[in-house]
PDB file of all heavy atoms in Angstrom:
ATOM      1  N   SER A   1     -36.001 208.423 206.653  1.00  0.00           N
ATOM      2  CA  SER A   1     -37.395 208.207 207.009  1.00  0.00           C
ATOM      3  C   SER A   1     -37.759 206.721 206.945  1.00  0.00           C
ATOM      4  O   SER A   1     -38.459 206.209 207.818  1.00  0.00           O
ATOM      5  CB  SER A   1     -38.302 209.004 206.076  1.00  0.00           C
ATOM      6  OG  SER A   1     -39.649 208.745 206.361  1.00  0.00           O
ATOM      7  N   GLU A   2     -37.279 206.037 205.929  1.00  0.00           N
ATOM      8  CA  GLU A   2     -37.583 204.604 205.789  1.00  0.00           C
ATOM      9  C   GLU A   2     -36.930 203.789 206.896  1.00  0.00           C
ATOM     10  O   GLU A   2     -37.535 202.855 207.418  1.00  0.00           O
ATOM     11  CB  GLU A   2     -37.140 204.089 204.421  1.00  0.00           C
ATOM     12  CG  GLU A   2     -37.463 202.641 204.171  1.00  0.00           C
ATOM     13  CD  GLU A   2     -38.946 202.325 204.215  1.00  0.00           C
ATOM     14  OE1 GLU A   2     -39.774 203.194 203.908  1.00  0.00           O
ATOM     15  OE2 GLU A   2     -39.282 201.176 204.557  1.00  0.00           O
ATOM     16  N   SER A   3     -35.719 204.140 207.283  1.00  0.00           N
ATOM     17  CA  SER A   3     -35.083 203.397 208.373  1.00  0.00           C
ATOM     18  C   SER A   3     -35.814 203.657 209.686  1.00  0.00           C
ATOM     19  O   SER A   3     -35.985 202.744 210.498  1.00  0.00           O
ATOM     20  CB  SER A   3     -33.604 203.745 208.490  1.00  0.00           C
ATOM     21  OG  SER A   3     -33.441 205.095 208.833  1.00  0.00           O
ATOM     22  N   GLY A   4     -36.282 204.894 209.904  1.00  0.00           N
ATOM     23  CA  GLY A   4     -37.089 205.183 211.087  1.00  0.00           C
ATOM     24  C   GLY A   4     -38.385 204.404 211.089  1.00  0.00           C
ATOM     25  O   GLY A   4     -38.813 203.899 212.132  1.00  0.00           O
ATOM     26  N   ARG A   5     -39.000 204.292 209.934  1.00  0.00           N
ATOM     27  CA  ARG A   5     -40.248 203.525 209.795  1.00  0.00           C
ATOM     28  C   ARG A   5     -40.016 202.068 210.143  1.00  0.00           C
ATOM     29  O   ARG A   5     -40.781 201.463 210.892  1.00  0.00           O
ATOM     30  CB  ARG A   5     -40.768 203.663 208.372  1.00  0.00           C
ATOM     31  CG  ARG A   5     -41.999 202.870 208.079  1.00  0.00           C
ATOM     32  CD  ARG A   5     -42.429 203.067 206.602  1.00  0.00           C
ATOM     33  NE  ARG A   5     -43.540 202.224 206.296  1.00  0.00           N
ATOM     34  CZ  ARG A   5     -43.448 200.966 205.871  1.00  0.00           C
ATOM     35  NH1 ARG A   5     -42.276 200.426 205.690  1.00  0.00           N
ATOM     36  NH2 ARG A   5     -44.519 200.255 205.620  1.00  0.00           N
ATOM     37  N   GLN A   6     -38.941 201.478 209.618  1.00  0.00           N
ATOM     38  CA  GLN A   6     -38.640 200.071 209.889  1.00  0.00           C
ATOM     39  C   GLN A   6     -38.332 199.841 211.364  1.00  0.00           C
ATOM     40  O   GLN A   6     -38.766 198.847 211.948  1.00  0.00           O
ATOM     41  CB  GLN A   6     -37.463 199.598 209.026  1.00  0.00           C
ATOM     42  CG  GLN A   6     -37.727 199.583 207.552  1.00  0.00           C
ATOM     43  CD  GLN A   6     -38.796 198.596 207.149  1.00  0.00           C
ATOM     44  OE1 GLN A   6     -39.031 197.604 207.822  1.00  0.00           O
ATOM     45  NE2 GLN A   6     -39.457 198.869 206.044  1.00  0.00           N
ATOM     46  N   ILE A   7     -37.607 200.762 211.972  1.00  0.00           N
ATOM     47  CA  ILE A   7     -37.284 200.629 213.398  1.00  0.00           C
ATOM     48  C   ILE A   7     -38.554 200.716 214.242  1.00  0.00           C
ATOM     49  O   ILE A   7     -38.733 199.927 215.178  1.00  0.00           O
ATOM     50  CB  ILE A   7     -36.263 201.705 213.812  1.00  0.00           C
ATOM     51  CG1 ILE A   7     -34.909 201.382 213.203  1.00  0.00           C
ATOM     52  CG2 ILE A   7     -36.163 201.818 215.331  1.00  0.00           C
ATOM     53  CD1 ILE A   7     -33.893 202.491 213.320  1.00  0.00           C
ATOM     54  N   GLU A   8     -39.440 201.636 213.919  1.00  0.00           N
ATOM     55  CA  GLU A   8     -40.685 201.782 214.672  1.00  0.00           C
ATOM     56  C   GLU A   8     -41.577 200.545 214.547  1.00  0.00           C
ATOM     57  O   GLU A   8     -42.157 200.089 215.525  1.00  0.00           O
ATOM     58  CB  GLU A   8     -41.454 203.014 214.202  1.00  0.00           C
ATOM     59  CG  GLU A   8     -40.829 204.318 214.609  1.00  0.00           C
ATOM     60  CD  GLU A   8     -40.869 204.535 216.094  1.00  0.00           C
ATOM     61  OE1 GLU A   8     -41.858 204.138 216.743  1.00  0.00           O
ATOM     62  OE2 GLU A   8     -39.905 205.100 216.616  1.00  0.00           O
ATOM     63  N   ILE A   9     -41.686 200.005 213.342  1.00  0.00           N
ATOM     64  CA  ILE A   9     -42.529 198.824 213.144  1.00  0.00           C
ATOM     65  C   ILE A   9     -41.958 197.633 213.901  1.00  0.00           C
ATOM     66  O   ILE A   9     -42.691 196.898 214.576  1.00  0.00           O
ATOM     67  CB  ILE A   9     -42.688 198.521 211.643  1.00  0.00           C
ATOM     68  CG1 ILE A   9     -43.535 199.605 210.979  1.00  0.00           C
ATOM     69  CG2 ILE A   9     -43.314 197.143 211.429  1.00  0.00           C
ATOM     70  CD1 ILE A   9     -43.591 199.503 209.473  1.00  0.00           C
ATOM     71  N   ASN A  10     -40.639 197.436 213.830  1.00  0.00           N
ATOM     72  CA  ASN A  10     -40.023 196.319 214.546  1.00  0.00           C
ATOM     73  C   ASN A  10     -40.130 196.499 216.058  1.00  0.00           C
ATOM     74  O   ASN A  10     -40.395 195.532 216.779  1.00  0.00           O
ATOM     75  CB  ASN A  10     -38.562 196.164 214.130  1.00  0.00           C
ATOM     76  CG  ASN A  10     -38.430 195.643 212.725  1.00  0.00           C
ATOM     77  OD1 ASN A  10     -39.321 194.979 212.216  1.00  0.00           O
ATOM     78  ND2 ASN A  10     -37.326 195.967 212.085  1.00  0.00           N
ATOM     79  N   SER A  11     -39.949 197.712 216.542  1.00  0.00           N
ATOM     80  CA  SER A  11     -40.059 197.976 217.979  1.00  0.00           C
ATOM     81  C   SER A  11     -41.483 197.746 218.469  1.00  0.00           C
ATOM     82  O   SER A  11     -41.691 197.200 219.554  1.00  0.00           O
ATOM     83  CB  SER A  11     -39.637 199.407 218.287  1.00  0.00           C
ATOM     84  OG  SER A  11     -38.304 199.603 217.918  1.00  0.00           O
ATOM     85  N   ALA A  12     -42.459 198.164 217.692  1.00  0.00           N
ATOM     86  CA  ALA A  12     -43.857 197.939 218.071  1.00  0.00           C
ATOM     87  C   ALA A  12     -44.167 196.452 218.108  1.00  0.00           C
ATOM     88  O   ALA A  12     -44.897 195.992 218.989  1.00  0.00           O
ATOM     89  CB  ALA A  12     -44.789 198.648 217.097  1.00  0.00           C
ATOM     90  N   GLY A  13     -43.623 195.701 217.174  1.00  0.00           N
ATOM     91  CA  GLY A  13     -43.843 194.256 217.167  1.00  0.00           C
ATOM     92  C   GLY A  13     -43.266 193.588 218.404  1.00  0.00           C
ATOM     93  O   GLY A  13     -43.894 192.712 219.009  1.00  0.00           O
ATOM     94  N   ILE A  14     -42.069 194.002 218.804  1.00  0.00           N
ATOM     95  CA  ILE A  14     -41.442 193.422 219.995  1.00  0.00           C
ATOM     96  C   ILE A  14     -42.229 193.789 221.249  1.00  0.00           C
ATOM     97  O   ILE A  14     -42.507 192.942 222.102  1.00  0.00           O
ATOM     98  CB  ILE A  14     -39.978 193.891 220.095  1.00  0.00           C
ATOM     99  CG1 ILE A  14     -39.167 193.264 218.965  1.00  0.00           C
ATOM    100  CG2 ILE A  14     -39.377 193.538 221.452  1.00  0.00           C
ATOM    101  CD1 ILE A  14     -37.787 193.853 218.790  1.00  0.00           C
ATOM    102  N   ALA A  15     -42.592 195.063 221.376  1.00  0.00           N
ATOM    103  CA  ALA A  15     -43.356 195.504 222.545  1.00  0.00           C
ATOM    104  C   ALA A  15     -44.741 194.854 222.587  1.00  0.00           C
ATOM    105  O   ALA A  15     -45.216 194.450 223.654  1.00  0.00           O
ATOM    106  CB  ALA A  15     -43.489 197.020 222.534  1.00  0.00           C
ATOM    107  N   GLY A  16     -45.370 194.727 221.436  1.00  0.00           N
ATOM    108  CA  GLY A  16     -46.681 194.086 221.383  1.00  0.00           C
ATOM    109  C   GLY A  16     -46.617 192.617 221.745  1.00  0.00           C
ATOM    110  O   GLY A  16     -47.508 192.086 222.411  1.00  0.00           O
ATOM    111  N   ALA A  17     -45.554 191.936 221.328  1.00  0.00           N
ATOM    112  CA  ALA A  17     -45.387 190.530 221.677  1.00  0.00           C
ATOM    113  C   ALA A  17     -45.181 190.368 223.177  1.00  0.00           C
ATOM    114  O   ALA A  17     -45.749 189.458 223.792  1.00  0.00           O
ATOM    115  CB  ALA A  17     -44.210 189.938 220.910  1.00  0.00           C
ATOM    116  N   ALA A  18     -44.384 191.248 223.762  1.00  0.00           N
ATOM    117  CA  ALA A  18     -44.162 191.171 225.205  1.00  0.00           C
ATOM    118  C   ALA A  18     -45.458 191.442 225.976  1.00  0.00           C
ATOM    119  O   ALA A  18     -45.793 190.720 226.919  1.00  0.00           O
ATOM    120  CB  ALA A  18     -43.083 192.166 225.618  1.00  0.00           C
ATOM    121  N   ALA A  19     -46.185 192.470 225.555  1.00  0.00           N
ATOM    122  CA  ALA A  19     -47.434 192.801 226.245  1.00  0.00           C
ATOM    123  C   ALA A  19     -48.490 191.718 226.051  1.00  0.00           C
ATOM    124  O   ALA A  19     -49.167 191.319 227.000  1.00  0.00           O
ATOM    125  CB  ALA A  19     -47.958 194.145 225.744  1.00  0.00           C
ATOM    126  N   GLY A  20     -48.623 191.241 224.823  1.00  0.00           N
ATOM    127  CA  GLY A  20     -49.606 190.186 224.559  1.00  0.00           C
ATOM    128  C   GLY A  20     -49.295 188.908 225.310  1.00  0.00           C
ATOM    129  O   GLY A  20     -50.190 188.252 225.848  1.00  0.00           O
ATOM    130  N   GLY A  21     -48.028 188.534 225.357  1.00  0.00           N
ATOM    131  CA  GLY A  21     -47.636 187.339 226.099  1.00  0.00           C
ATOM    132  C   GLY A  21     -47.865 187.493 227.592  1.00  0.00           C
ATOM    133  O   GLY A  21     -48.312 186.558 228.258  1.00  0.00           O
ATOM    134  N   ALA A  22     -47.561 188.668 228.137  1.00  0.00           N
ATOM    135  CA  ALA A  22     -47.760 188.895 229.564  1.00  0.00           C
ATOM    136  C   ALA A  22     -49.242 188.862 229.933  1.00  0.00           C
ATOM    137  O   ALA A  22     -49.627 188.245 230.929  1.00  0.00           O
ATOM    138  CB  ALA A  22     -47.152 190.231 229.970  1.00  0.00           C
ATOM    139  N   ILE A  23     -50.059 189.506 229.142  1.00  0.00           N
ATOM    140  CA  ILE A  23     -51.499 189.524 229.430  1.00  0.00           C
ATOM    141  C   ILE A  23     -52.097 188.131 229.303  1.00  0.00           C
ATOM    142  O   ILE A  23     -52.877 187.693 230.150  1.00  0.00           O
ATOM    143  CB  ILE A  23     -52.214 190.526 228.501  1.00  0.00           C
ATOM    144  CG1 ILE A  23     -51.809 191.948 228.886  1.00  0.00           C
ATOM    145  CG2 ILE A  23     -53.722 190.364 228.572  1.00  0.00           C
ATOM    146  CD1 ILE A  23     -52.256 193.000 227.911  1.00  0.00           C
ATOM    147  N   ALA A  24     -51.709 187.408 228.254  1.00  0.00           N
ATOM    148  CA  ALA A  24     -52.229 186.057 228.071  1.00  0.00           C
ATOM    149  C   ALA A  24     -51.760 185.137 229.189  1.00  0.00           C
ATOM    150  O   ALA A  24     -52.514 184.280 229.656  1.00  0.00           O
ATOM    151  CB  ALA A  24     -51.795 185.508 226.719  1.00  0.00           C
ATOM    152  N   GLY A  25     -50.522 185.296 229.641  1.00  0.00           N
ATOM    153  CA  GLY A  25     -50.012 184.474 230.726  1.00  0.00           C
ATOM    154  C   GLY A  25     -50.753 184.708 232.031  1.00  0.00           C
ATOM    155  O   GLY A  25     -50.986 183.774 232.800  1.00  0.00           O
ATOM    156  N   LEU A  26     -51.135 185.942 232.286  1.00  0.00           N
ATOM    157  CA  LEU A  26     -51.878 186.245 233.507  1.00  0.00           C
ATOM    158  C   LEU A  26     -53.310 185.721 233.448  1.00  0.00           C
ATOM    159  O   LEU A  26     -53.885 185.359 234.475  1.00  0.00           O
ATOM    160  CB  LEU A  26     -51.894 187.757 233.740  1.00  0.00           C
ATOM    161  CG  LEU A  26     -50.554 188.375 234.126  1.00  0.00           C
ATOM    162  CD1 LEU A  26     -50.674 189.893 234.165  1.00  0.00           C
ATOM    163  CD2 LEU A  26     -50.089 187.851 235.471  1.00  0.00           C
ATOM    164  N   MET A  27     -53.889 185.666 232.269  1.00  0.00           N
ATOM    165  CA  MET A  27     -55.286 185.261 232.139  1.00  0.00           C
ATOM    166  C   MET A  27     -55.474 183.753 232.135  1.00  0.00           C
ATOM    167  O   MET A  27     -56.533 183.275 232.516  1.00  0.00           O
ATOM    168  CB  MET A  27     -55.880 185.838 230.858  1.00  0.00           C
ATOM    169  CG  MET A  27     -56.085 187.332 230.921  1.00  0.00           C
ATOM    170  SD  MET A  27     -56.661 188.103 229.408  1.00  0.00           S
ATOM    171  CE  MET A  27     -57.626 186.889 228.612  1.00  0.00           C
ATOM    172  N   CYS A  28     -54.484 182.993 231.714  1.00  0.00           N
ATOM    173  CA  CYS A  28     -54.703 181.573 231.443  1.00  0.00           C
ATOM    174  C   CYS A  28     -54.527 180.646 232.628  1.00  0.00           C
ATOM    175  O   CYS A  28     -55.092 179.566 232.632  1.00  0.00           O
ATOM    176  CB  CYS A  28     -53.780 181.112 230.325  1.00  0.00           C
ATOM    177  SG  CYS A  28     -54.359 181.656 228.729  1.00  0.00           S
ATOM    178  N   GLY A  29     -53.728 180.980 233.601  1.00  0.00           N
ATOM    179  CA  GLY A  29     -53.517 180.077 234.732  1.00  0.00           C
ATOM    180  C   GLY A  29     -52.669 178.882 234.337  1.00  0.00           C
ATOM    181  O   GLY A  29     -51.539 179.049 233.884  1.00  0.00           O
ATOM    182  N   PRO A  30     -53.205 177.650 234.472  1.00  0.00           N
ATOM    183  CA  PRO A  30     -52.388 176.467 234.198  1.00  0.00           C
ATOM    184  C   PRO A  30     -52.012 176.305 232.718  1.00  0.00           C
ATOM    185  O   PRO A  30     -51.012 175.664 232.404  1.00  0.00           O
ATOM    186  CB  PRO A  30     -53.255 175.290 234.626  1.00  0.00           C
ATOM    187  CG  PRO A  30     -54.450 175.838 235.265  1.00  0.00           C
ATOM    188  CD  PRO A  30     -54.495 177.312 235.025  1.00  0.00           C
ATOM    189  N   GLY A  31     -52.745 176.864 231.833  1.00  0.00           N
ATOM    190  CA  GLY A  31     -52.432 176.764 230.408  1.00  0.00           C
ATOM    191  C   GLY A  31     -51.540 177.892 229.923  1.00  0.00           C
ATOM    192  O   GLY A  31     -51.460 178.161 228.731  1.00  0.00           O
ATOM    193  N   ALA A  32     -50.850 178.550 230.845  1.00  0.00           N
ATOM    194  CA  ALA A  32     -50.058 179.741 230.511  1.00  0.00           C
ATOM    195  C   ALA A  32     -48.997 179.521 229.431  1.00  0.00           C
ATOM    196  O   ALA A  32     -48.837 180.391 228.582  1.00  0.00           O
ATOM    197  CB  ALA A  32     -49.425 180.311 231.770  1.00  0.00           C
ATOM    198  N   PRO A  33     -48.257 178.399 229.423  1.00  0.00           N
ATOM    199  CA  PRO A  33     -47.233 178.264 228.373  1.00  0.00           C
ATOM    200  C   PRO A  33     -47.805 178.349 226.954  1.00  0.00           C
ATOM    201  O   PRO A  33     -47.229 178.987 226.082  1.00  0.00           O
ATOM    202  CB  PRO A  33     -46.612 176.902 228.643  1.00  0.00           C
ATOM    203  CG  PRO A  33     -46.814 176.686 230.101  1.00  0.00           C
ATOM    204  CD  PRO A  33     -48.139 177.325 230.409  1.00  0.00           C
ATOM    205  N   VAL A  34     -48.943 177.740 226.736  1.00  0.00           N
ATOM    206  CA  VAL A  34     -49.560 177.790 225.410  1.00  0.00           C
ATOM    207  C   VAL A  34     -50.137 179.180 225.147  1.00  0.00           C
ATOM    208  O   VAL A  34     -49.974 179.739 224.057  1.00  0.00           O
ATOM    209  CB  VAL A  34     -50.662 176.705 225.287  1.00  0.00           C
ATOM    210  CG1 VAL A  34     -51.409 176.838 223.977  1.00  0.00           C
ATOM    211  CG2 VAL A  34     -50.064 175.322 225.435  1.00  0.00           C
ATOM    212  N   CYS A  35     -50.784 179.736 226.144  1.00  0.00           N
ATOM    213  CA  CYS A  35     -51.397 181.062 225.984  1.00  0.00           C
ATOM    214  C   CYS A  35     -50.353 182.144 225.736  1.00  0.00           C
ATOM    215  O   CYS A  35     -50.596 183.081 224.978  1.00  0.00           O
ATOM    216  CB  CYS A  35     -52.218 181.415 227.215  1.00  0.00           C
ATOM    217  SG  CYS A  35     -53.707 180.432 227.392  1.00  0.00           S
ATOM    218  N   VAL A  36     -49.194 182.034 226.378  1.00  0.00           N
ATOM    219  CA  VAL A  36     -48.147 183.038 226.192  1.00  0.00           C
ATOM    220  C   VAL A  36     -47.643 183.006 224.762  1.00  0.00           C
ATOM    221  O   VAL A  36     -47.415 184.052 224.145  1.00  0.00           O
ATOM    222  CB  VAL A  36     -47.000 182.817 227.204  1.00  0.00           C
ATOM    223  CG1 VAL A  36     -45.780 183.627 226.829  1.00  0.00           C
ATOM    224  CG2 VAL A  36     -47.468 183.181 228.598  1.00  0.00           C
ATOM    225  N   LEU A  37     -47.460 181.823 224.202  1.00  0.00           N
ATOM    226  CA  LEU A  37     -47.027 181.722 222.799  1.00  0.00           C
ATOM    227  C   LEU A  37     -48.047 182.348 221.856  1.00  0.00           C
ATOM    228  O   LEU A  37     -47.698 183.139 220.979  1.00  0.00           O
ATOM    229  CB  LEU A  37     -46.795 180.265 222.411  1.00  0.00           C
ATOM    230  CG  LEU A  37     -45.555 179.616 222.998  1.00  0.00           C
ATOM    231  CD1 LEU A  37     -45.549 178.132 222.682  1.00  0.00           C
ATOM    232  CD2 LEU A  37     -44.315 180.279 222.477  1.00  0.00           C
TER     233      LEU A  37
END
């Protein structure tokens, strides 16, 4: 159960980073490199 919990938390973090970076990149225009980070 603990290993499943750790895998889920890490997977959510990776997916959230990808989604957050993609959304920020689309919204920022010329400032996209900073916004994506």
